[in-house]
Amino acid sequence: MPSPFCCIMGRKKKYNGWGAILKNFSYPLGNDWTTDEIISVTDFYRQVEDAYELSQGVTVSALLSAYKAFKQVVTSKSQEKQLGKQFEQLTGYSLYLTLKAARETAKKSVKMTIGG
């Protein structure tokens, strides 16, 4: 059975002893989404990436705002979980854990680490 999702290229930073290396991967996206919907979803994915990759993380307000726009496109919880699982397999970054951290922190920003 074909997947109801397609993809768009993204970049992930992998670090080694000599500096940063960029790795390409594909974001999981719906086949029937409009350009605006794709932008909303990829903006949320980028916020999650930045929470892991940027030294200062991302602001909680920007992350939650991007998630709100994401939920206008991805309305079902099962679709959200499926996309989150695909995104985590591609990047190693968890949508769920990032949102959980943002909702539970009293700080203005959230910084994530893989495995932590």
C-alpha atoms as a PDB file:
ATOM      1  CA  MET A   1       0.000   0.000   0.000  1.00  0.00           C
ATOM      2  CA  PRO A   2       1.473   3.415  -0.930  1.00  0.00           C
ATOM      3  CA  SER A   3       2.267   5.878   1.821  1.00  0.00           C
ATOM      4  CA  PRO A   4      -0.104   8.853   2.180  1.00  0.00           C
ATOM      5  CA  PHE A   5       2.960  11.023   2.729  1.00  0.00           C
ATOM      6  CA  CYS A   6       5.658  12.435   0.502  1.00  0.00           C
ATOM      7  CA  CYS A   7       8.708  14.401   1.458  1.00  0.00           C
ATOM      8  CA  ILE A   8      10.785  17.535   1.071  1.00  0.00           C
ATOM      9  CA  MET A   9      14.515  17.777   1.566  1.00  0.00           C
ATOM     10  CA  GLY A  10      15.891  19.045   4.853  1.00  0.00           C
ATOM     11  CA  ARG A  11      19.328  19.258   6.390  1.00  0.00           C
ATOM     12  CA  LYS A  12      20.650  17.843   9.613  1.00  0.00           C
ATOM     13  CA  LYS A  13      23.906  18.794  11.241  1.00  0.00           C
ATOM     14  CA  LYS A  14      26.036  15.891  12.364  1.00  0.00           C
ATOM     15  CA  TYR A  15      29.049  16.776  14.454  1.00  0.00           C
ATOM     16  CA  ASN A  16      32.353  15.005  14.580  1.00  0.00           C
ATOM     17  CA  GLY A  17      35.810  15.868  15.891  1.00  0.00           C
ATOM     18  CA  TRP A  18      36.535  18.084  12.879  1.00  0.00           C
ATOM     19  CA  GLY A  19      33.371  20.231  12.832  1.00  0.00           C
ATOM     20  CA  ALA A  20      29.876  20.144  11.422  1.00  0.00           C
ATOM     21  CA  ILE A  21      28.786  17.989   8.498  1.00  0.00           C
ATOM     22  CA  LEU A  22      25.429  18.560   6.827  1.00  0.00           C
ATOM     23  CA  LYS A  23      23.341  15.512   6.043  1.00  0.00           C
ATOM     24  CA  ASN A  24      20.348  15.668   3.703  1.00  0.00           C
ATOM     25  CA  PHE A  25      17.097  13.903   4.534  1.00  0.00           C
ATOM     26  CA  SER A  26      13.455  14.165   3.534  1.00  0.00           C
ATOM     27  CA  TYR A  27      10.702  15.601   5.708  1.00  0.00           C
ATOM     28  CA  PRO A  28       7.537  13.494   5.886  1.00  0.00           C
ATOM     29  CA  LEU A  29       4.663  15.459   4.300  1.00  0.00           C
ATOM     30  CA  GLY A  30       1.130  14.788   3.092  1.00  0.00           C
ATOM     31  CA  ASN A  31       0.688  14.178  -0.642  1.00  0.00           C
ATOM     32  CA  ASP A  32      -2.390  16.390  -0.811  1.00  0.00           C
ATOM     33  CA  TRP A  33      -1.135  19.384   1.188  1.00  0.00           C
ATOM     34  CA  THR A  34      -1.085  22.872  -0.302  1.00  0.00           C
ATOM     35  CA  THR A  35       2.069  24.961  -0.474  1.00  0.00           C
ATOM     36  CA  ASP A  36       0.958  26.939   2.582  1.00  0.00           C
ATOM     37  CA  GLU A  37       0.312  23.735   4.514  1.00  0.00           C
ATOM     38  CA  ILE A  38       3.755  22.387   3.583  1.00  0.00           C
ATOM     39  CA  ILE A  39       5.308  25.639   4.790  1.00  0.00           C
ATOM     40  CA  SER A  40       3.424  25.415   8.107  1.00  0.00           C
ATOM     41  CA  VAL A  41       4.510  21.830   8.719  1.00  0.00           C
ATOM     42  CA  THR A  42       8.136  22.361   7.689  1.00  0.00           C
ATOM     43  CA  ASP A  43       8.313  25.473   9.877  1.00  0.00           C
ATOM     44  CA  PHE A  44       7.369  23.306  12.850  1.00  0.00           C
ATOM     45  CA  TYR A  45       9.918  20.651  11.850  1.00  0.00           C
ATOM     46  CA  ARG A  46      12.592  23.384  11.639  1.00  0.00           C
ATOM     47  CA  GLN A  47      11.697  24.649  15.107  1.00  0.00           C
ATOM     48  CA  VAL A  48      12.173  21.130  16.477  1.00  0.00           C
ATOM     49  CA  GLU A  49      15.487  20.782  14.610  1.00  0.00           C
ATOM     50  CA  ASP A  50      16.656  24.124  15.974  1.00  0.00           C
ATOM     51  CA  ALA A  51      15.751  23.061  19.522  1.00  0.00           C
ATOM     52  CA  TYR A  52      18.356  20.309  19.122  1.00  0.00           C
ATOM     53  CA  GLU A  53      20.911  22.038  16.916  1.00  0.00           C
ATOM     54  CA  LEU A  54      21.154  25.653  18.077  1.00  0.00           C
ATOM     55  CA  SER A  55      23.211  26.337  21.182  1.00  0.00           C
ATOM     56  CA  GLN A  56      20.439  28.547  22.596  1.00  0.00           C
ATOM     57  CA  GLY A  57      17.610  26.239  21.460  1.00  0.00           C
ATOM     58  CA  VAL A  58      14.338  27.921  20.423  1.00  0.00           C
ATOM     59  CA  THR A  59      11.863  30.127  22.200  1.00  0.00           C
ATOM     60  CA  VAL A  60       8.916  28.300  23.677  1.00  0.00           C
ATOM     61  CA  SER A  61       6.509  30.807  22.121  1.00  0.00           C
ATOM     62  CA  ALA A  62       7.922  30.290  18.601  1.00  0.00           C
ATOM     63  CA  LEU A  63       7.820  26.496  18.974  1.00  0.00           C
ATOM     64  CA  LEU A  64       4.251  26.462  20.293  1.00  0.00           C
ATOM     65  CA  SER A  65       3.136  28.917  17.615  1.00  0.00           C
ATOM     66  CA  ALA A  66       4.635  26.689  14.914  1.00  0.00           C
ATOM     67  CA  TYR A  67       2.943  23.671  16.509  1.00  0.00           C
ATOM     68  CA  LYS A  68      -0.417  25.445  16.467  1.00  0.00           C
ATOM     69  CA  ALA A  69      -0.021  26.061  12.702  1.00  0.00           C
ATOM     70  CA  PHE A  70       1.109  22.425  12.266  1.00  0.00           C
ATOM     71  CA  LYS A  71      -2.082  21.241  14.020  1.00  0.00           C
ATOM     72  CA  GLN A  72      -4.209  23.250  11.569  1.00  0.00           C
ATOM     73  CA  VAL A  73      -2.798  20.939   8.867  1.00  0.00           C
ATOM     74  CA  VAL A  74      -2.313  17.709  10.833  1.00  0.00           C
ATOM     75  CA  THR A  75      -5.572  17.487  12.726  1.00  0.00           C
ATOM     76  CA  SER A  76      -5.644  13.806  13.697  1.00  0.00           C
ATOM     77  CA  LYS A  77      -3.542  12.488  16.565  1.00  0.00           C
ATOM     78  CA  SER A  78      -2.753   9.292  14.635  1.00  0.00           C
ATOM     79  CA  GLN A  79      -1.389  11.261  11.667  1.00  0.00           C
ATOM     80  CA  GLU A  80       0.645  13.426  14.053  1.00  0.00           C
ATOM     81  CA  LYS A  81       2.123  10.317  15.678  1.00  0.00           C
ATOM     82  CA  GLN A  82       2.893   8.757  12.297  1.00  0.00           C
ATOM     83  CA  LEU A  83       4.634  11.906  11.042  1.00  0.00           C
ATOM     84  CA  GLY A  84       6.466  12.265  14.357  1.00  0.00           C
ATOM     85  CA  LYS A  85       7.725   8.698  14.145  1.00  0.00           C
ATOM     86  CA  GLN A  86       8.906   9.194  10.554  1.00  0.00           C
ATOM     87  CA  PHE A  87      10.565  12.514  11.458  1.00  0.00           C
ATOM     88  CA  GLU A  88      12.365  10.929  14.415  1.00  0.00           C
ATOM     89  CA  GLN A  89      13.577   8.002  12.291  1.00  0.00           C
ATOM     90  CA  LEU A  90      14.997  10.466   9.748  1.00  0.00           C
ATOM     91  CA  THR A  91      16.526  12.984  12.138  1.00  0.00           C
ATOM     92  CA  GLY A  92      16.809  11.439  15.588  1.00  0.00           C
ATOM     93  CA  TYR A  93      14.740  14.372  16.914  1.00  0.00           C
ATOM     94  CA  SER A  94      11.475  13.814  18.787  1.00  0.00           C
ATOM     95  CA  LEU A  95       8.492  16.073  18.102  1.00  0.00           C
ATOM     96  CA  TYR A  96       6.783  14.682  21.193  1.00  0.00           C
ATOM     97  CA  LEU A  97       9.678  15.168  23.618  1.00  0.00           C
ATOM     98  CA  THR A  98      10.378  18.668  22.298  1.00  0.00           C
ATOM     99  CA  LEU A  99       6.755  19.727  22.785  1.00  0.00           C
ATOM    100  CA  LYS A 100       6.656  18.082  26.214  1.00  0.00           C
ATOM    101  CA  ALA A 101       9.783  19.975  27.281  1.00  0.00           C
ATOM    102  CA  ALA A 102       8.382  23.265  25.965  1.00  0.00           C
ATOM    103  CA  ARG A 103       5.126  22.811  27.849  1.00  0.00           C
ATOM    104  CA  GLU A 104       6.821  21.852  31.109  1.00  0.00           C
ATOM    105  CA  THR A 105       9.540  24.496  31.267  1.00  0.00           C
ATOM    106  CA  ALA A 106       9.256  27.795  33.079  1.00  0.00           C
ATOM    107  CA  LYS A 107      12.052  29.178  30.893  1.00  0.00           C
ATOM    108  CA  LYS A 108      11.542  31.253  27.746  1.00  0.00           C
ATOM    109  CA  SER A 109      13.460  28.783  25.577  1.00  0.00           C
ATOM    110  CA  VAL A 110      13.896  25.053  25.205  1.00  0.00           C
ATOM    111  CA  LYS A 111      17.127  23.267  24.310  1.00  0.00           C
ATOM    112  CA  MET A 112      17.040  19.572  23.487  1.00  0.00           C
ATOM    113  CA  THR A 113      19.730  16.898  23.393  1.00  0.00           C
ATOM    114  CA  ILE A 114      19.512  13.521  21.723  1.00  0.00           C
ATOM    115  CA  GLY A 115      19.010  10.791  24.282  1.00  0.00           C
ATOM    116  CA  GLY A 116      18.479  13.252  27.082  1.00  0.00           C
END
